[in-house]
Protein backbone atom coordinates (compact mmCIF):
# COMPACT_ATOMS: atom_id res chain seq x y z
CA GLN A 1 -124.51 22.38 -56.43
CA VAL A 2 -122.81 25.16 -54.48
CA GLN A 3 -123.95 26.56 -51.16
CA LEU A 4 -122.75 29.58 -49.21
CA VAL A 5 -123.71 29.93 -45.58
CA GLU A 6 -123.17 33.06 -43.50
CA SER A 7 -123.02 33.18 -39.72
CA GLY A 8 -122.13 35.57 -36.95
CA GLY A 9 -124.83 38.17 -37.23
CA GLY A 10 -126.79 39.47 -34.29
CA LEU A 11 -127.65 42.42 -32.12
CA VAL A 12 -124.83 44.64 -30.93
CA GLN A 13 -124.63 48.04 -29.26
CA PRO A 14 -123.10 51.04 -31.04
CA GLY A 15 -119.34 50.86 -30.86
CA GLY A 16 -119.40 47.08 -30.58
CA SER A 17 -117.90 44.40 -32.77
CA LEU A 18 -119.03 41.35 -34.67
CA ARG A 19 -117.25 38.81 -36.83
CA LEU A 20 -119.12 37.35 -39.77
CA SER A 21 -118.14 34.12 -41.46
CA CYS A 22 -119.13 32.63 -44.78
CA VAL A 23 -118.25 29.12 -45.83
CA ALA A 24 -118.84 27.56 -49.22
CA SER A 25 -119.52 23.91 -49.91
CA GLY A 26 -120.33 21.75 -52.87
CA ASN A 27 -118.72 21.16 -56.23
CA ILE A 28 -116.13 23.96 -56.11
CA VAL A 29 -112.96 23.83 -58.15
CA SER A 30 -111.59 27.26 -57.38
CA ILE A 31 -112.67 30.50 -55.75
CA ASN A 32 -111.50 33.82 -57.12
CA THR A 33 -112.99 36.86 -55.43
CA MET A 34 -114.86 36.67 -52.14
CA GLY A 35 -116.99 39.55 -51.02
CA TRP A 36 -119.45 40.93 -48.53
CA TYR A 37 -122.46 43.02 -49.44
CA ARG A 38 -125.25 44.43 -47.34
CA GLN A 39 -128.80 45.58 -47.77
CA ALA A 40 -130.45 47.89 -45.30
CA PRO A 41 -134.24 48.19 -45.05
CA GLY A 42 -135.57 50.17 -47.98
CA LYS A 43 -132.19 50.42 -49.66
CA GLU A 44 -130.39 48.65 -52.47
CA ARG A 45 -127.74 46.05 -51.86
CA GLU A 46 -124.28 47.63 -51.65
CA LEU A 47 -120.72 46.47 -51.66
CA VAL A 48 -119.00 46.28 -48.28
CA ALA A 49 -115.67 44.63 -49.03
CA THR A 50 -113.98 42.22 -51.40
CA ILE A 51 -110.82 40.16 -51.34
CA THR A 52 -109.15 38.49 -54.28
CA ARG A 53 -107.40 35.13 -54.31
CA GLY A 54 -104.13 37.04 -54.13
CA GLY A 55 -105.24 38.90 -51.03
CA SER A 56 -105.99 42.32 -52.52
CA THR A 57 -108.82 44.03 -50.68
CA ASN A 58 -111.34 46.69 -51.51
CA TYR A 59 -113.66 48.47 -49.08
CA ALA A 60 -116.61 50.79 -49.26
CA ASP A 61 -115.65 54.24 -48.01
CA SER A 62 -118.23 53.95 -45.24
CA VAL A 63 -116.45 50.99 -43.62
CA LYS A 64 -112.78 51.76 -44.26
CA GLY A 65 -110.77 51.61 -41.08
CA ARG A 66 -113.54 49.79 -39.21
CA PHE A 67 -114.12 46.55 -41.15
CA THR A 68 -111.55 43.98 -42.21
CA ILE A 69 -112.12 41.23 -44.73
CA SER A 70 -109.99 38.11 -44.76
CA ARG A 71 -110.08 34.60 -46.20
CA ASP A 72 -108.55 31.23 -45.58
CA ALA A 73 -106.84 29.05 -48.15
CA LYS A 74 -109.95 27.02 -48.87
CA SER A 75 -113.53 28.24 -48.87
CA THR A 76 -114.16 30.65 -46.00
CA THR A 77 -114.20 34.40 -45.74
CA TYR A 78 -114.52 36.55 -42.66
CA LEU A 79 -115.63 40.10 -42.01
CA GLN A 80 -114.39 41.62 -38.78
CA MET A 81 -116.58 44.60 -37.98
CA ASN A 82 -115.46 47.05 -35.31
CA GLY A 83 -116.91 50.34 -34.27
CA LEU A 84 -120.37 49.36 -35.45
CA GLN A 85 -122.91 52.13 -35.86
CA PRO A 86 -126.69 52.08 -36.33
CA GLU A 87 -126.21 52.81 -40.02
CA ASP A 88 -124.41 49.47 -40.35
CA THR A 89 -127.69 47.70 -39.61
CA ALA A 90 -128.47 45.49 -42.58
CA VAL A 91 -128.62 41.96 -43.87
CA TYR A 92 -125.08 40.98 -44.83
CA TYR A 93 -124.54 38.65 -47.76
CA CYS A 94 -121.41 36.89 -48.92
CA ASN A 95 -120.66 36.47 -52.60
CA PHE A 96 -118.06 34.22 -54.21
CA TYR A 97 -116.93 34.22 -57.81
CA LEU A 98 -116.08 30.59 -58.23
CA LEU A 99 -115.41 27.80 -60.70
CA THR A 100 -117.77 24.87 -60.65
CA SER A 101 -118.55 22.14 -63.16
CA GLY A 102 -116.52 23.84 -65.88
CA TYR A 103 -117.84 27.37 -65.62
CA TRP A 104 -117.41 30.47 -63.47
CA MET A 105 -120.35 31.84 -61.55
CA ASN A 106 -121.37 34.28 -58.85
CA SER A 107 -122.82 32.52 -55.85
CA TRP A 108 -124.68 34.21 -52.99
CA GLY A 109 -125.47 33.24 -49.45
CA ARG A 110 -128.87 33.83 -47.90
CA GLY A 111 -127.64 36.53 -45.57
CA THR A 112 -127.18 37.17 -41.88
CA LEU A 113 -128.84 40.04 -40.05
CA VAL A 114 -126.74 42.59 -38.20
CA THR A 115 -128.60 45.00 -35.96
CA VAL A 116 -126.78 47.85 -34.25
CA SER A 117 -128.90 49.42 -31.57
CA ALA A 118 -128.71 50.63 -28.01
């Protein structure tokens, strides 16, 4: 059993910052790519950022230069979000591509709500 838990969401004013965290637990042998996705009301879930085990990163054009994804050596990823705008309001989900019990799988957290509003 694998579990991903996000934290760090909340209400912030435009121009503000938040740092999201996602930690995985359970029967995990290895984690390859870690990523953050978001889903705004009435919209489809979209990629925000990913980071590979080797540290290569990829960002959505809408967050480049404002968001930074990072990871530790074990099972945690972070998303530093600066210069937040109302259009960043969404539920943010972490996603890990990981090895467990002899097979690779995509595992999702339940999400953390980020609201950007004055």
